[in-house]
Amino acid sequence: MGFKAANTMGNVAMGSVGSEKIRTKPMKVTVVTDDYEIHGLMHIKPGGYQSRVSDLLNARDLQFVPITQATYRNLRHPEEPARKAWTLIIRLDYIKMVVPEDGEDSVPPGTI
């Protein structure tokens, strides 16, 4: 079973798993691994179960997470230019940090 990003309609994207369409909400994030810093969109389910980035990352049945419209740079070679990819598939075990850049998981400026 694969994930395929499809059309983005406003704040809700339509993806597909097999032949089944799934409504998702794109969430702008920064993902950090040992080797890379990645900026892009993580797709969560709008409302209810798994409607936050933390819910997606803690899902027991998930091993990989797709990041779409990704820009990534190698932290071990910062002199190299950032690269772009329409979709990156990242193994959850390699993720060290995820920072939501907007939405309900973000902390309003000046509150920390």
Protein backbone atom coordinates (compact mmCIF):
# COMPACT_ATOMS: atom_id res chain seq x y z
CA MET A 1 0.00 0.00 0.00
CA GLY A 2 1.47 3.34 -1.00
CA PHE A 3 0.62 6.95 -0.39
CA LYS A 4 0.15 9.31 -3.29
CA ALA A 5 -0.34 13.04 -2.82
CA ALA A 6 -2.95 14.44 -5.14
CA ASN A 7 -4.80 17.72 -5.46
CA THR A 8 -4.72 20.40 -2.78
CA MET A 9 -8.08 22.10 -2.38
CA GLY A 10 -7.79 25.11 -0.05
CA ASN A 11 -6.71 23.78 3.34
CA VAL A 12 -7.70 20.18 2.63
CA ALA A 13 -5.70 17.88 0.39
CA MET A 14 -6.97 14.72 -1.22
CA GLY A 15 -4.61 11.76 -1.11
CA SER A 16 -5.12 8.12 -1.86
CA VAL A 17 -4.19 4.82 -0.30
CA GLY A 18 -4.74 2.11 -2.86
CA SER A 19 -7.99 3.20 -4.54
CA GLU A 20 -9.51 4.78 -1.41
CA LYS A 21 -9.50 8.61 -1.18
CA ILE A 22 -8.55 10.17 2.16
CA ARG A 23 -9.17 13.78 3.16
CA THR A 24 -6.15 15.33 4.84
CA LYS A 25 -5.18 18.73 6.18
CA PRO A 26 -1.68 19.87 5.19
CA MET A 27 0.33 21.14 8.18
CA LYS A 28 3.50 23.14 7.56
CA VAL A 29 6.35 21.53 9.56
CA THR A 30 10.09 21.44 10.06
CA VAL A 31 11.43 17.91 10.58
CA VAL A 32 14.93 17.26 11.91
CA THR A 33 16.83 13.98 11.63
CA ASP A 34 20.49 13.30 12.45
CA ASP A 35 21.45 14.21 8.89
CA TYR A 36 18.75 16.50 7.49
CA GLU A 37 16.53 19.49 8.19
CA ILE A 38 13.33 19.24 6.18
CA HIS A 39 10.65 21.88 5.59
CA GLY A 40 7.37 20.83 4.01
CA LEU A 41 3.81 19.67 4.53
CA MET A 42 2.79 16.79 6.80
CA HIS A 43 -0.77 15.62 6.11
CA ILE A 44 -3.05 14.98 9.07
CA LYS A 45 -6.71 14.00 9.27
CA PRO A 46 -8.95 17.05 9.79
CA GLY A 47 -10.86 16.92 13.11
CA GLY A 48 -11.17 14.03 15.54
CA TYR A 49 -8.75 11.12 15.80
CA GLN A 50 -5.23 11.83 14.50
CA SER A 51 -6.00 15.50 13.89
CA ARG A 52 -2.72 16.71 15.40
CA VAL A 53 0.88 16.19 14.32
CA SER A 54 1.61 14.46 17.64
CA ASP A 55 -1.24 11.97 17.02
CA LEU A 56 0.23 11.06 13.65
CA LEU A 57 3.75 10.61 15.06
CA ASN A 58 2.47 8.41 17.91
CA ALA A 59 0.26 6.15 15.76
CA ARG A 60 1.21 2.54 16.53
CA ASP A 61 0.60 1.28 13.00
CA LEU A 62 2.69 3.94 11.26
CA GLN A 63 6.38 3.43 10.36
CA PHE A 64 6.84 6.10 7.69
CA VAL A 65 5.46 9.59 7.19
CA PRO A 66 5.26 11.44 3.86
CA ILE A 67 6.36 15.07 3.69
CA THR A 68 5.21 16.84 0.52
CA GLN A 69 6.50 20.00 -1.15
CA ALA A 70 9.73 19.39 0.75
CA THR A 71 12.91 21.44 0.90
CA TYR A 72 15.74 19.67 2.68
CA ARG A 73 19.37 20.33 3.51
CA ASN A 74 22.18 18.12 4.72
CA LEU A 75 23.21 19.14 8.24
CA ARG A 76 26.58 17.39 7.91
CA HIS A 77 27.38 19.45 4.79
CA PRO A 78 25.81 22.87 5.42
CA GLU A 79 27.76 24.41 2.53
CA GLU A 80 25.69 22.36 0.06
CA PRO A 81 22.55 24.07 -1.30
CA ALA A 82 19.11 22.97 -0.13
CA ARG A 83 17.32 20.52 -2.41
CA LYS A 84 13.64 20.14 -3.24
CA ALA A 85 11.39 17.11 -3.64
CA TRP A 86 7.68 16.81 -4.27
CA THR A 87 7.46 13.98 -1.71
CA LEU A 88 9.87 12.59 0.88
CA ILE A 89 9.02 9.42 2.79
CA ILE A 90 10.70 9.49 6.21
CA ARG A 91 11.02 6.58 8.62
CA LEU A 92 9.64 7.68 12.01
CA ASP A 93 12.58 6.07 13.86
CA TYR A 94 14.92 8.63 12.25
CA ILE A 95 12.95 11.71 13.26
CA LYS A 96 14.52 13.63 16.15
CA MET A 97 12.19 16.64 16.19
CA VAL A 98 9.08 17.98 14.43
CA VAL A 99 8.11 21.64 14.73
CA PRO A 100 4.64 22.57 13.45
CA GLU A 101 4.93 26.01 11.85
CA ASP A 102 1.23 26.86 11.96
CA GLY A 103 -2.06 25.56 13.28
CA GLU A 104 -3.22 24.31 16.65
CA ASP A 105 0.06 22.59 17.61
CA SER A 106 1.95 25.90 17.40
CA VAL A 107 2.61 28.15 20.36
CA PRO A 108 1.61 31.78 19.81
CA PRO A 109 4.58 34.18 19.73
CA GLY A 110 5.44 35.72 23.10
CA THR A 111 3.87 32.93 25.21
CA ILE A 112 7.09 31.17 26.16
